[in-house]
Amino acid sequence: MTIQQSGSEIVIRLSSRLKLKDIKEFIDYLTYKEAIADSKATQTDIDKLAREVNKGWWKSNRVRFVNENCD
């Protein structure tokens, strides 16, 4: 493995013996880290957003999981 920094980029070269699935998971993690790098959100902000999203999802999908006609 080699790692080079060139201006505003970092280049990583890996052996082709690695599993693509493992590389994809690592790239997904790096993509996440890059996306949040400049975030000013606090954990409280993130938790609040997650609750709002879950509440909206449940409202839209509740009928798929709950049969209200059961006795």
Protein backbone atom coordinates (compact mmCIF):
# COMPACT_ATOMS: atom_id res chain seq x y z
CA MET A 1 0.00 0.00 0.00
CA THR A 2 1.19 3.51 -0.79
CA ILE A 3 -0.31 6.81 0.31
CA GLN A 4 0.54 10.10 -1.36
CA GLN A 5 -0.74 13.59 -0.69
CA SER A 6 -0.87 15.79 -3.76
CA GLY A 7 -2.29 19.27 -3.27
CA SER A 8 -5.87 18.87 -2.11
CA GLU A 9 -6.02 15.12 -2.76
CA ILE A 10 -4.77 11.95 -1.11
CA VAL A 11 -3.99 9.01 -3.38
CA ILE A 12 -4.08 5.48 -1.92
CA ARG A 13 -2.85 2.50 -3.89
CA LEU A 14 -3.85 -0.94 -2.63
CA SER A 15 -3.01 -4.48 -3.57
CA SER A 16 -5.50 -6.14 -5.91
CA ARG A 17 -5.54 -9.09 -3.50
CA LEU A 18 -7.95 -7.23 -1.24
CA LYS A 19 -11.65 -8.04 -1.42
CA LEU A 20 -13.65 -5.39 -3.28
CA LYS A 21 -16.38 -5.61 -0.63
CA ASP A 22 -13.88 -4.59 2.08
CA ILE A 23 -12.55 -1.74 -0.04
CA LYS A 24 -16.11 -0.53 -0.73
CA GLU A 25 -16.90 -0.48 3.01
CA PHE A 26 -13.74 1.50 3.68
CA ILE A 27 -14.57 3.97 0.88
CA ASP A 28 -18.10 4.37 2.27
CA TYR A 29 -16.60 5.25 5.66
CA LEU A 30 -14.22 7.78 4.09
CA THR A 31 -17.10 9.28 2.08
CA TYR A 32 -19.04 9.71 5.33
CA LYS A 33 -16.04 11.32 7.05
CA GLU A 34 -15.57 13.69 4.11
CA ALA A 35 -19.27 14.62 4.13
CA ILE A 36 -19.26 15.55 7.82
CA ALA A 37 -15.82 17.17 7.91
CA ASP A 38 -17.18 20.74 7.88
CA SER A 39 -20.42 20.00 9.72
CA LYS A 40 -21.35 22.23 12.64
CA ALA A 41 -24.12 19.85 13.74
CA THR A 42 -24.04 18.61 17.31
CA GLN A 43 -25.03 15.11 18.38
CA THR A 44 -28.23 16.66 19.79
CA ASP A 45 -29.03 18.13 16.35
CA ILE A 46 -28.42 14.77 14.70
CA ASP A 47 -30.55 12.91 17.24
CA LYS A 48 -33.42 15.38 16.74
CA LEU A 49 -33.23 15.02 12.94
CA ALA A 50 -33.18 11.22 13.25
CA ARG A 51 -36.31 11.28 15.44
CA GLU A 52 -38.10 13.54 12.94
CA VAL A 53 -37.16 11.31 10.01
CA ASN A 54 -38.24 8.16 11.87
CA LYS A 55 -41.54 9.76 12.89
CA GLY A 56 -42.27 10.72 9.28
CA TRP A 57 -41.28 7.29 8.00
CA TRP A 58 -43.51 5.55 10.54
CA LYS A 59 -46.44 7.82 9.65
CA SER A 60 -46.03 6.95 5.97
CA ASN A 61 -45.45 3.21 6.47
CA ARG A 62 -47.47 2.30 9.57
CA VAL A 63 -50.26 0.71 7.57
CA ARG A 64 -47.77 -1.79 6.10
CA PHE A 65 -46.97 -3.18 9.56
CA VAL A 66 -50.08 -2.71 11.66
CA ASN A 67 -53.39 -4.35 10.84
CA GLU A 68 -55.91 -2.28 12.76
CA ASN A 69 -58.79 -4.58 11.76
CA CYS A 70 -57.54 -7.42 13.99
CA ASP A 71 -59.80 -8.34 16.93
